[in-house]
Amino acid sequence: MYDFNPIKKQLAGVEEWAKKELQQIRTGQASPAILDGVKVEVYGAPMSLKEVASVVIEGSRTLRIVPWDKSQTKEVEKAITVANLGLSVVVDDQGLRVNFPELTADRRASFAKLAKDKIEEAKKQIRQHRDVVIKDLTAKEKAGGYGKDDIFRLKGDAQKLIDACVKNLDVMYEKKEKEVLG
């Protein structure tokens, strides 16, 4: 029969991508995940913040960042500021403190819209993967490898996989929307 393993892996990859993207959207609560996309220039090479410092939650709206190499403190501060995440950074003797300001209603709405856009982007990727499988099944039908009933059933099976993935994305969005609009 038809091998659905490649599309299953692709759909899992899309879900994982969407999950990471949603983690980087601010909710008003301190979350180290928001800093995942921050790149720090260290010794002439860009590195992720996790590679150059420890990041821990200090309070409900504060993160503590302690660079492994204290001489990189200014570079870390610059990288967070340049990332334009709407966070305030304070340097002290222990490292850096990142404060998450209280979100305004407009800012919450824009973050909810950003989350919706990320989910729509993931759904677009899913539709592209579905189209590839449908084209492959149609080609196999024309080549004579499968009958019409088999193709119809296999297309239904593929759609079930797609529907399950879309449902998971919708659940992720609803959860994130609740966090953001809180």
N, C-alpha and C. Protein backbone atom coordinates (compact mmCIF):
# COMPACT_ATOMS: atom_id res chain seq x y z
N MET A 1 0.84 -1.20 0.00
CA MET A 1 0.00 0.00 0.00
C MET A 1 0.88 1.25 0.00
N TYR A 2 0.22 2.38 0.10
CA TYR A 2 0.89 3.67 0.01
C TYR A 2 1.63 4.00 1.31
N ASP A 3 2.81 4.60 1.21
CA ASP A 3 3.62 4.95 2.37
C ASP A 3 3.34 6.40 2.80
N PHE A 4 2.64 6.54 3.92
CA PHE A 4 2.31 7.87 4.44
C PHE A 4 3.38 8.41 5.39
N ASN A 5 4.44 7.66 5.65
CA ASN A 5 5.46 8.10 6.61
C ASN A 5 6.10 9.44 6.23
N PRO A 6 6.43 9.69 4.95
CA PRO A 6 7.03 10.99 4.63
C PRO A 6 6.13 12.17 4.99
N ILE A 7 4.84 12.08 4.66
CA ILE A 7 3.95 13.21 4.98
C ILE A 7 3.74 13.32 6.48
N LYS A 8 3.73 12.19 7.19
CA LYS A 8 3.59 12.25 8.65
C LYS A 8 4.77 13.02 9.26
N LYS A 9 5.97 12.75 8.75
CA LYS A 9 7.17 13.46 9.25
C LYS A 9 7.09 14.94 8.91
N GLN A 10 6.62 15.25 7.69
CA GLN A 10 6.52 16.65 7.28
C GLN A 10 5.49 17.39 8.14
N LEU A 11 4.36 16.74 8.41
CA LEU A 11 3.33 17.38 9.24
C LEU A 11 3.83 17.58 10.67
N ALA A 12 4.57 16.61 11.19
CA ALA A 12 5.14 16.77 12.53
C ALA A 12 6.12 17.93 12.54
N GLY A 13 6.89 18.08 11.47
CA GLY A 13 7.82 19.20 11.36
C GLY A 13 7.11 20.54 11.34
N VAL A 14 5.99 20.61 10.63
CA VAL A 14 5.21 21.85 10.58
C VAL A 14 4.67 22.18 11.97
N GLU A 15 4.16 21.17 12.67
CA GLU A 15 3.64 21.40 14.01
C GLU A 15 4.74 21.89 14.95
N GLU A 16 5.91 21.29 14.85
CA GLU A 16 7.03 21.69 15.69
C GLU A 16 7.45 23.13 15.39
N TRP A 17 7.48 23.48 14.10
CA TRP A 17 7.82 24.85 13.70
C TRP A 17 6.80 25.83 14.30
N ALA A 18 5.52 25.51 14.17
CA ALA A 18 4.47 26.40 14.68
C ALA A 18 4.59 26.55 16.19
N LYS A 19 4.88 25.46 16.87
CA LYS A 19 5.03 25.49 18.33
C LYS A 19 6.16 26.44 18.73
N LYS A 20 7.30 26.34 18.03
CA LYS A 20 8.43 27.22 18.33
C LYS A 20 8.10 28.68 18.04
N GLU A 21 7.42 28.90 16.92
CA GLU A 21 7.05 30.27 16.57
C GLU A 21 6.12 30.88 17.61
N LEU A 22 5.16 30.10 18.08
CA LEU A 22 4.23 30.62 19.08
C LEU A 22 4.91 30.87 20.42
N GLN A 23 5.91 30.06 20.75
CA GLN A 23 6.64 30.26 22.01
C GLN A 23 7.36 31.59 22.02
N GLN A 24 7.70 32.10 20.86
CA GLN A 24 8.47 33.34 20.80
C GLN A 24 7.58 34.58 20.86
N ILE A 25 6.27 34.38 20.91
CA ILE A 25 5.35 35.52 21.01
C ILE A 25 5.11 35.82 22.48
N ARG A 26 5.29 37.08 22.84
CA ARG A 26 5.17 37.50 24.24
C ARG A 26 3.76 37.38 24.77
N THR A 27 3.66 37.03 26.03
CA THR A 27 2.35 36.93 26.68
C THR A 27 2.24 37.83 27.91
N GLY A 28 3.28 38.56 28.23
CA GLY A 28 3.28 39.38 29.44
C GLY A 28 3.96 38.66 30.60
N GLN A 29 4.10 37.35 30.49
CA GLN A 29 4.80 36.55 31.49
C GLN A 29 6.22 36.31 31.00
N ALA A 30 7.16 36.23 31.92
CA ALA A 30 8.55 35.97 31.56
C ALA A 30 8.67 34.55 31.00
N SER A 31 9.28 34.45 29.82
CA SER A 31 9.49 33.15 29.19
C SER A 31 10.80 33.18 28.44
N PRO A 32 11.73 32.28 28.77
CA PRO A 32 13.01 32.24 28.07
C PRO A 32 12.86 31.96 26.57
N ALA A 33 11.77 31.33 26.18
CA ALA A 33 11.56 30.97 24.76
C ALA A 33 11.53 32.20 23.86
N ILE A 34 11.12 33.34 24.39
CA ILE A 34 11.05 34.54 23.56
C ILE A 34 12.43 34.97 23.06
N LEU A 35 13.47 34.54 23.77
CA LEU A 35 14.83 34.91 23.40
C LEU A 35 15.50 33.90 22.46
N ASP A 36 14.77 32.86 22.09
CA ASP A 36 15.35 31.81 21.24
C ASP A 36 15.88 32.33 19.90
N GLY A 37 15.26 33.35 19.36
CA GLY A 37 15.69 33.87 18.07
C GLY A 37 16.79 34.92 18.14
N VAL A 38 17.21 35.27 19.36
CA VAL A 38 18.23 36.31 19.53
C VAL A 38 19.61 35.73 19.22
N LYS A 39 20.33 36.41 18.33
CA LYS A 39 21.70 36.01 17.96
C LYS A 39 22.68 37.04 18.52
N VAL A 40 23.70 36.55 19.19
CA VAL A 40 24.73 37.40 19.80
C VAL A 40 26.01 37.27 18.99
N GLU A 41 26.62 38.40 18.68
CA GLU A 41 27.89 38.41 17.95
C GLU A 41 29.01 38.12 18.95
N VAL A 42 29.58 36.93 18.85
CA VAL A 42 30.64 36.52 19.78
C VAL A 42 31.88 36.14 18.98
N TYR A 43 32.96 36.84 19.22
CA TYR A 43 34.22 36.58 18.53
C TYR A 43 34.03 36.52 17.01
N GLY A 44 33.20 37.41 16.49
CA GLY A 44 33.01 37.52 15.05
C GLY A 44 32.02 36.55 14.44
N ALA A 45 31.34 35.75 15.25
CA ALA A 45 30.37 34.79 14.72
C ALA A 45 29.05 34.92 15.47
N PRO A 46 27.92 34.86 14.77
CA PRO A 46 26.63 34.92 15.46
C PRO A 46 26.33 33.59 16.16
N MET A 47 25.93 33.68 17.41
CA MET A 47 25.59 32.49 18.19
C MET A 47 24.26 32.73 18.89
N SER A 48 23.52 31.66 19.15
CA SER A 48 22.26 31.82 19.87
C SER A 48 22.56 32.19 21.32
N LEU A 49 21.62 32.86 21.94
CA LEU A 49 21.80 33.31 23.32
C LEU A 49 22.06 32.13 24.26
N LYS A 50 21.41 30.98 24.01
CA LYS A 50 21.60 29.79 24.85
C LYS A 50 23.05 29.30 24.83
N GLU A 51 23.75 29.58 23.74
CA GLU A 51 25.13 29.12 23.61
C GLU A 51 26.13 30.00 24.35
N VAL A 52 25.72 31.23 24.70
CA VAL A 52 26.66 32.15 25.34
C VAL A 52 26.29 32.54 26.76
N ALA A 53 25.08 32.12 27.21
CA ALA A 53 24.64 32.54 28.54
C ALA A 53 23.58 31.60 29.09
N SER A 54 23.43 31.64 30.41
CA SER A 54 22.31 30.92 31.02
C SER A 54 21.15 31.89 31.15
N VAL A 55 19.95 31.37 30.91
CA VAL A 55 18.74 32.19 30.99
C VAL A 55 17.79 31.50 31.97
N VAL A 56 17.43 32.20 33.03
CA VAL A 56 16.51 31.63 34.02
C VAL A 56 15.41 32.64 34.34
N ILE A 57 14.26 32.12 34.75
CA ILE A 57 13.15 32.99 35.15
C ILE A 57 13.43 33.45 36.58
N GLU A 58 13.44 34.78 36.76
CA GLU A 58 13.73 35.35 38.07
C GLU A 58 12.45 35.72 38.80
N GLY A 59 11.47 36.14 38.06
CA GLY A 59 10.18 36.52 38.62
C GLY A 59 9.12 36.34 37.55
N SER A 60 7.87 36.70 37.86
CA SER A 60 6.80 36.49 36.89
C SER A 60 7.00 37.31 35.61
N ARG A 61 7.70 38.44 35.71
CA ARG A 61 7.93 39.26 34.51
C ARG A 61 9.40 39.63 34.35
N THR A 62 10.30 38.78 34.87
CA THR A 62 11.73 39.07 34.80
C THR A 62 12.53 37.81 34.48
N LEU A 63 13.50 37.96 33.59
CA LEU A 63 14.46 36.90 33.30
C LEU A 63 15.85 37.36 33.75
N ARG A 64 16.66 36.43 34.19
CA ARG A 64 18.05 36.72 34.54
C ARG A 64 18.93 36.04 33.51
N ILE A 65 19.83 36.80 32.91
CA ILE A 65 20.76 36.26 31.92
C ILE A 65 22.17 36.45 32.46
N VAL A 66 22.91 35.34 32.54
CA VAL A 66 24.28 35.39 33.03
C VAL A 66 25.18 34.83 31.92
N PRO A 67 25.93 35.72 31.24
CA PRO A 67 26.83 35.24 30.18
C PRO A 67 27.94 34.35 30.76
N TRP A 68 28.31 33.32 30.00
CA TRP A 68 29.40 32.44 30.43
C TRP A 68 30.70 33.25 30.53
N ASP A 69 30.88 34.15 29.57
CA ASP A 69 32.05 35.02 29.55
C ASP A 69 31.56 36.44 29.86
N LYS A 70 31.92 36.95 31.03
CA LYS A 70 31.43 38.27 31.48
C LYS A 70 31.76 39.39 30.50
N SER A 71 32.81 39.22 29.70
CA SER A 71 33.17 40.26 28.74
C SER A 71 32.15 40.37 27.61
N GLN A 72 31.24 39.41 27.51
CA GLN A 72 30.23 39.43 26.44
C GLN A 72 28.92 40.09 26.88
N THR A 73 28.88 40.63 28.08
CA THR A 73 27.65 41.22 28.61
C THR A 73 27.10 42.31 27.70
N LYS A 74 27.97 43.21 27.24
CA LYS A 74 27.51 44.30 26.37
C LYS A 74 26.97 43.77 25.04
N GLU A 75 27.61 42.74 24.50
CA GLU A 75 27.14 42.14 23.24
C GLU A 75 25.76 41.50 23.41
N VAL A 76 25.56 40.85 24.55
CA VAL A 76 24.27 40.23 24.84
C VAL A 76 23.20 41.30 24.96
N GLU A 77 23.52 42.37 25.69
CA GLU A 77 22.58 43.49 25.84
C GLU A 77 22.21 44.07 24.48
N LYS A 78 23.22 44.28 23.65
CA LYS A 78 23.00 44.85 22.32
C LYS A 78 22.12 43.92 21.48
N ALA A 79 22.37 42.63 21.53
CA ALA A 79 21.60 41.67 20.73
C ALA A 79 20.12 41.66 21.13
N ILE A 80 19.85 41.72 22.41
CA ILE A 80 18.46 41.73 22.88
C ILE A 80 17.77 43.03 22.48
N THR A 81 18.49 44.14 22.60
CA THR A 81 17.94 45.44 22.22
C THR A 81 17.65 45.49 20.72
N VAL A 82 18.59 45.02 19.91
CA VAL A 82 18.44 45.04 18.45
C VAL A 82 17.30 44.12 18.00
N ALA A 83 17.04 43.05 18.75
CA ALA A 83 15.98 42.10 18.39
C ALA A 83 14.60 42.75 18.45
N ASN A 84 14.50 43.90 19.12
CA ASN A 84 13.27 44.68 19.16
C ASN A 84 12.07 43.85 19.63
N LEU A 85 12.22 43.23 20.79
CA LEU A 85 11.16 42.39 21.34
C LEU A 85 10.25 43.14 22.31
N GLY A 86 10.54 44.42 22.51
CA GLY A 86 9.72 45.21 23.43
C GLY A 86 10.07 44.94 24.88
N LEU A 87 11.28 44.48 25.13
CA LEU A 87 11.73 44.17 26.48
C LEU A 87 12.73 45.22 26.94
N SER A 88 12.79 45.47 28.25
CA SER A 88 13.80 46.38 28.77
C SER A 88 14.92 45.55 29.38
N VAL A 89 16.16 45.98 29.12
CA VAL A 89 17.34 45.25 29.58
C VAL A 89 18.13 46.14 30.53
N VAL A 90 18.47 45.57 31.69
CA VAL A 90 19.26 46.29 32.68
C VAL A 90 20.49 45.44 33.00
N VAL A 91 21.67 46.08 32.93
CA VAL A 91 22.91 45.39 33.25
C VAL A 91 23.25 45.66 34.71
N ASP A 92 23.57 44.59 35.44
CA ASP A 92 24.01 44.77 36.83
C ASP A 92 25.24 43.89 37.07
N ASP A 93 25.69 43.82 38.31
CA ASP A 93 26.92 43.10 38.61
C ASP A 93 26.81 41.58 38.40
N GLN A 94 25.60 41.03 38.36
CA GLN A 94 25.42 39.59 38.17
C GLN A 94 25.25 39.21 36.69
N GLY A 95 24.93 40.16 35.85
CA GLY A 95 24.69 39.89 34.43
C GLY A 95 23.66 40.85 33.90
N LEU A 96 22.59 40.30 33.35
CA LEU A 96 21.54 41.15 32.80
C LEU A 96 20.18 40.73 33.36
N ARG A 97 19.32 41.71 33.52
CA ARG A 97 17.95 41.45 33.92
C ARG A 97 17.07 41.95 32.77
N VAL A 98 16.21 41.07 32.29
CA VAL A 98 15.29 41.42 31.21
C VAL A 98 13.89 41.53 31.80
N ASN A 99 13.29 42.71 31.68
CA ASN A 99 11.96 42.95 32.22
C ASN A 99 10.91 42.93 31.12
N PHE A 100 9.82 42.26 31.39
CA PHE A 100 8.68 42.19 30.48
C PHE A 100 7.66 43.22 30.95
N PRO A 101 7.51 44.32 30.20
CA PRO A 101 6.53 45.32 30.64
C PRO A 101 5.10 44.79 30.50
N GLU A 102 4.21 45.38 31.27
CA GLU A 102 2.79 45.02 31.18
C GLU A 102 2.30 45.32 29.76
N LEU A 103 1.53 44.41 29.19
CA LEU A 103 1.05 44.59 27.82
C LEU A 103 -0.22 45.44 27.80
N THR A 104 -0.28 46.36 26.85
CA THR A 104 -1.50 47.15 26.66
C THR A 104 -2.49 46.30 25.85
N ALA A 105 -3.74 46.73 25.82
CA ALA A 105 -4.77 45.99 25.08
C ALA A 105 -4.43 45.94 23.59
N ASP A 106 -3.91 47.05 23.04
CA ASP A 106 -3.53 47.07 21.63
C ASP A 106 -2.39 46.10 21.35
N ARG A 107 -1.43 46.08 22.25
CA ARG A 107 -0.27 45.20 22.08
C ARG A 107 -0.70 43.73 22.16
N ARG A 108 -1.60 43.43 23.09
CA ARG A 108 -2.13 42.07 23.20
C ARG A 108 -2.84 41.65 21.91
N ALA A 109 -3.63 42.57 21.38
CA ALA A 109 -4.36 42.26 20.14
C ALA A 109 -3.38 42.03 18.99
N SER A 110 -2.31 42.82 18.92
CA SER A 110 -1.35 42.64 17.83
C SER A 110 -0.59 41.32 17.99
N PHE A 111 -0.31 40.90 19.23
CA PHE A 111 0.35 39.61 19.45
C PHE A 111 -0.59 38.46 19.08
N ALA A 112 -1.88 38.61 19.39
CA ALA A 112 -2.86 37.58 19.02
C ALA A 112 -2.94 37.46 17.50
N LYS A 113 -2.90 38.61 16.81
CA LYS A 113 -2.92 38.59 15.35
C LYS A 113 -1.66 37.94 14.79
N LEU A 114 -0.52 38.23 15.40
CA LEU A 114 0.74 37.62 14.97
C LEU A 114 0.67 36.09 15.13
N ALA A 115 0.10 35.63 16.23
CA ALA A 115 -0.06 34.19 16.45
C ALA A 115 -0.95 33.59 15.37
N LYS A 116 -2.02 34.27 15.05
CA LYS A 116 -2.95 33.80 14.00
C LYS A 116 -2.22 33.71 12.67
N ASP A 117 -1.40 34.71 12.36
CA ASP A 117 -0.63 34.71 11.11
C ASP A 117 0.34 33.54 11.05
N LYS A 118 0.99 33.23 12.17
CA LYS A 118 1.93 32.09 12.20
C LYS A 118 1.19 30.77 11.95
N ILE A 119 0.01 30.64 12.54
CA ILE A 119 -0.77 29.42 12.34
C ILE A 119 -1.24 29.32 10.89
N GLU A 120 -1.63 30.43 10.30
CA GLU A 120 -2.05 30.42 8.89
C GLU A 120 -0.89 30.03 7.98
N GLU A 121 0.30 30.50 8.31
CA GLU A 121 1.49 30.13 7.55
C GLU A 121 1.74 28.62 7.64
N ALA A 122 1.56 28.06 8.84
CA ALA A 122 1.73 26.61 9.03
C ALA A 122 0.67 25.85 8.23
N LYS A 123 -0.56 26.34 8.21
CA LYS A 123 -1.62 25.67 7.46
C LYS A 123 -1.33 25.70 5.96
N LYS A 124 -0.72 26.78 5.51
CA LYS A 124 -0.35 26.88 4.10
C LYS A 124 0.68 25.79 3.76
N GLN A 125 1.66 25.60 4.65
CA GLN A 125 2.66 24.55 4.44
C GLN A 125 2.00 23.17 4.40
N ILE A 126 1.02 22.96 5.28
CA ILE A 126 0.30 21.69 5.32
C ILE A 126 -0.42 21.44 3.99
N ARG A 127 -1.09 22.46 3.48
CA ARG A 127 -1.80 22.31 2.20
C ARG A 127 -0.84 21.96 1.08
N GLN A 128 0.36 22.53 1.10
CA GLN A 128 1.35 22.22 0.08
C GLN A 128 1.77 20.75 0.17
N HIS A 129 1.96 20.25 1.38
CA HIS A 129 2.32 18.84 1.56
C HIS A 129 1.18 17.93 1.08
N ARG A 130 -0.07 18.34 1.38
CA ARG A 130 -1.22 17.55 0.94
C ARG A 130 -1.27 17.49 -0.58
N ASP A 131 -1.04 18.63 -1.23
CA ASP A 131 -1.07 18.68 -2.70
C ASP A 131 -0.04 17.74 -3.32
N VAL A 132 1.13 17.64 -2.71
CA VAL A 132 2.17 16.74 -3.21
C VAL A 132 1.68 15.29 -3.14
N VAL A 133 1.05 14.92 -2.03
CA VAL A 133 0.56 13.55 -1.87
C VAL A 133 -0.56 13.27 -2.88
N ILE A 134 -1.47 14.21 -3.04
CA ILE A 134 -2.59 14.03 -3.99
C ILE A 134 -2.05 13.87 -5.41
N LYS A 135 -1.08 14.68 -5.80
CA LYS A 135 -0.49 14.56 -7.13
C LYS A 135 0.19 13.21 -7.30
N ASP A 136 0.87 12.75 -6.25
CA ASP A 136 1.54 11.45 -6.30
C ASP A 136 0.52 10.33 -6.47
N LEU A 137 -0.57 10.39 -5.72
CA LEU A 137 -1.61 9.37 -5.83
C LEU A 137 -2.26 9.39 -7.22
N THR A 138 -2.49 10.58 -7.75
CA THR A 138 -3.08 10.70 -9.09
C THR A 138 -2.14 10.11 -10.14
N ALA A 139 -0.86 10.37 -9.98
CA ALA A 139 0.13 9.81 -10.92
C ALA A 139 0.15 8.29 -10.84
N LYS A 140 0.06 7.76 -9.63
CA LYS A 140 0.06 6.30 -9.45
C LYS A 140 -1.21 5.68 -10.07
N GLU A 141 -2.32 6.41 -9.98
CA GLU A 141 -3.56 5.92 -10.58
C GLU A 141 -3.43 5.87 -12.10
N LYS A 142 -2.86 6.91 -12.68
CA LYS A 142 -2.69 6.96 -14.14
C LYS A 142 -1.70 5.90 -14.61
N ALA A 143 -0.70 5.60 -13.77
CA ALA A 143 0.28 4.58 -14.14
C ALA A 143 -0.31 3.18 -14.03
N GLY A 144 -1.47 3.08 -13.38
CA GLY A 144 -2.12 1.78 -13.30
C GLY A 144 -1.75 0.98 -12.07
N GLY A 145 -1.07 1.58 -11.12
CA GLY A 145 -0.66 0.86 -9.93
C GLY A 145 -1.79 0.65 -8.94
N TYR A 146 -2.79 1.52 -8.97
CA TYR A 146 -3.90 1.46 -8.02
C TYR A 146 -5.21 1.63 -8.77
N GLY A 147 -6.28 1.08 -8.21
CA GLY A 147 -7.61 1.27 -8.78
C GLY A 147 -8.23 2.54 -8.25
N LYS A 148 -9.37 2.93 -8.85
CA LYS A 148 -10.05 4.17 -8.44
C LYS A 148 -10.49 4.11 -6.98
N ASP A 149 -10.98 2.95 -6.55
CA ASP A 149 -11.43 2.82 -5.15
C ASP A 149 -10.26 2.97 -4.19
N ASP A 150 -9.11 2.37 -4.53
CA ASP A 150 -7.93 2.48 -3.68
C ASP A 150 -7.48 3.93 -3.57
N ILE A 151 -7.43 4.62 -4.70
CA ILE A 151 -7.00 6.03 -4.72
C ILE A 151 -7.95 6.88 -3.90
N PHE A 152 -9.27 6.64 -4.06
CA PHE A 152 -10.26 7.40 -3.31
C PHE A 152 -10.05 7.21 -1.81
N ARG A 153 -9.83 5.96 -1.38
CA ARG A 153 -9.60 5.65 0.03
C ARG A 153 -8.30 6.28 0.53
N LEU A 154 -7.24 6.18 -0.28
CA LEU A 154 -5.95 6.74 0.12
C LEU A 154 -6.00 8.27 0.23
N LYS A 155 -6.72 8.91 -0.69
CA LYS A 155 -6.88 10.37 -0.60
C LYS A 155 -7.63 10.74 0.67
N GLY A 156 -8.62 9.92 1.04
CA GLY A 156 -9.35 10.14 2.29
C GLY A 156 -8.45 9.98 3.50
N ASP A 157 -7.57 8.96 3.45
CA ASP A 157 -6.62 8.75 4.55
C ASP A 157 -5.67 9.94 4.68
N ALA A 158 -5.20 10.44 3.53
CA ALA A 158 -4.30 11.61 3.55
C ALA A 158 -5.03 12.82 4.15
N GLN A 159 -6.30 13.00 3.78
CA GLN A 159 -7.06 14.14 4.29
C GLN A 159 -7.27 14.02 5.79
N LYS A 160 -7.43 12.79 6.29
CA LYS A 160 -7.58 12.60 7.74
C LYS A 160 -6.31 13.05 8.48
N LEU A 161 -5.14 12.74 7.90
CA LEU A 161 -3.88 13.18 8.50
C LEU A 161 -3.81 14.71 8.52
N ILE A 162 -4.20 15.32 7.41
CA ILE A 162 -4.19 16.78 7.28
C ILE A 162 -5.14 17.40 8.31
N ASP A 163 -6.36 16.85 8.38
CA ASP A 163 -7.36 17.39 9.31
C ASP A 163 -6.88 17.31 10.76
N ALA A 164 -6.22 16.20 11.13
CA ALA A 164 -5.72 16.06 12.49
C ALA A 164 -4.65 17.10 12.79
N CYS A 165 -3.78 17.35 11.82
CA CYS A 165 -2.72 18.34 12.00
C CYS A 165 -3.31 19.75 12.13
N VAL A 166 -4.29 20.06 11.28
CA VAL A 166 -4.94 21.38 11.33
C VAL A 166 -5.63 21.56 12.69
N LYS A 167 -6.26 20.50 13.18
CA LYS A 167 -6.92 20.58 14.48
C LYS A 167 -5.90 20.87 15.59
N ASN A 168 -4.73 20.21 15.52
CA ASN A 168 -3.68 20.46 16.50
C ASN A 168 -3.22 21.92 16.46
N LEU A 169 -3.08 22.45 15.24
CA LEU A 169 -2.67 23.85 15.10
C LEU A 169 -3.71 24.79 15.68
N ASP A 170 -4.99 24.48 15.44
CA ASP A 170 -6.05 25.32 15.98
C ASP A 170 -6.04 25.31 17.51
N VAL A 171 -5.78 24.14 18.10
CA VAL A 171 -5.69 24.03 19.56
C VAL A 171 -4.52 24.87 20.08
N MET A 172 -3.37 24.79 19.38
CA MET A 172 -2.21 25.60 19.77
C MET A 172 -2.55 27.08 19.74
N TYR A 173 -3.25 27.51 18.67
CA TYR A 173 -3.60 28.92 18.54
C TYR A 173 -4.54 29.36 19.66
N GLU A 174 -5.56 28.55 19.94
CA GLU A 174 -6.52 28.91 20.98
C GLU A 174 -5.83 29.06 22.34
N LYS A 175 -4.90 28.16 22.62
CA LYS A 175 -4.15 28.22 23.88
C LYS A 175 -3.32 29.50 23.94
N LYS A 176 -2.63 29.81 22.84
CA LYS A 176 -1.79 31.00 22.80
C LYS A 176 -2.64 32.27 22.90
N GLU A 177 -3.79 32.26 22.21
CA GLU A 177 -4.68 33.42 22.25
C GLU A 177 -5.13 33.69 23.69
N LYS A 178 -5.46 32.63 24.42
CA LYS A 178 -5.87 32.80 25.82
C LYS A 178 -4.73 33.39 26.66
N GLU A 179 -3.50 32.90 26.41
CA GLU A 179 -2.34 33.40 27.15
C GLU A 179 -2.12 34.89 26.86
N VAL A 180 -2.23 35.26 25.59
CA VAL A 180 -1.94 36.64 25.18
C VAL A 180 -3.04 37.59 25.63
N LEU A 181 -4.28 37.22 25.39
CA LEU A 181 -5.38 38.13 25.72
C LEU A 181 -5.75 38.07 27.20
N GLY A 182 -5.34 36.97 27.83
CA GLY A 182 -5.46 36.70 29.25
C GLY A 182 -6.44 37.41 30.03
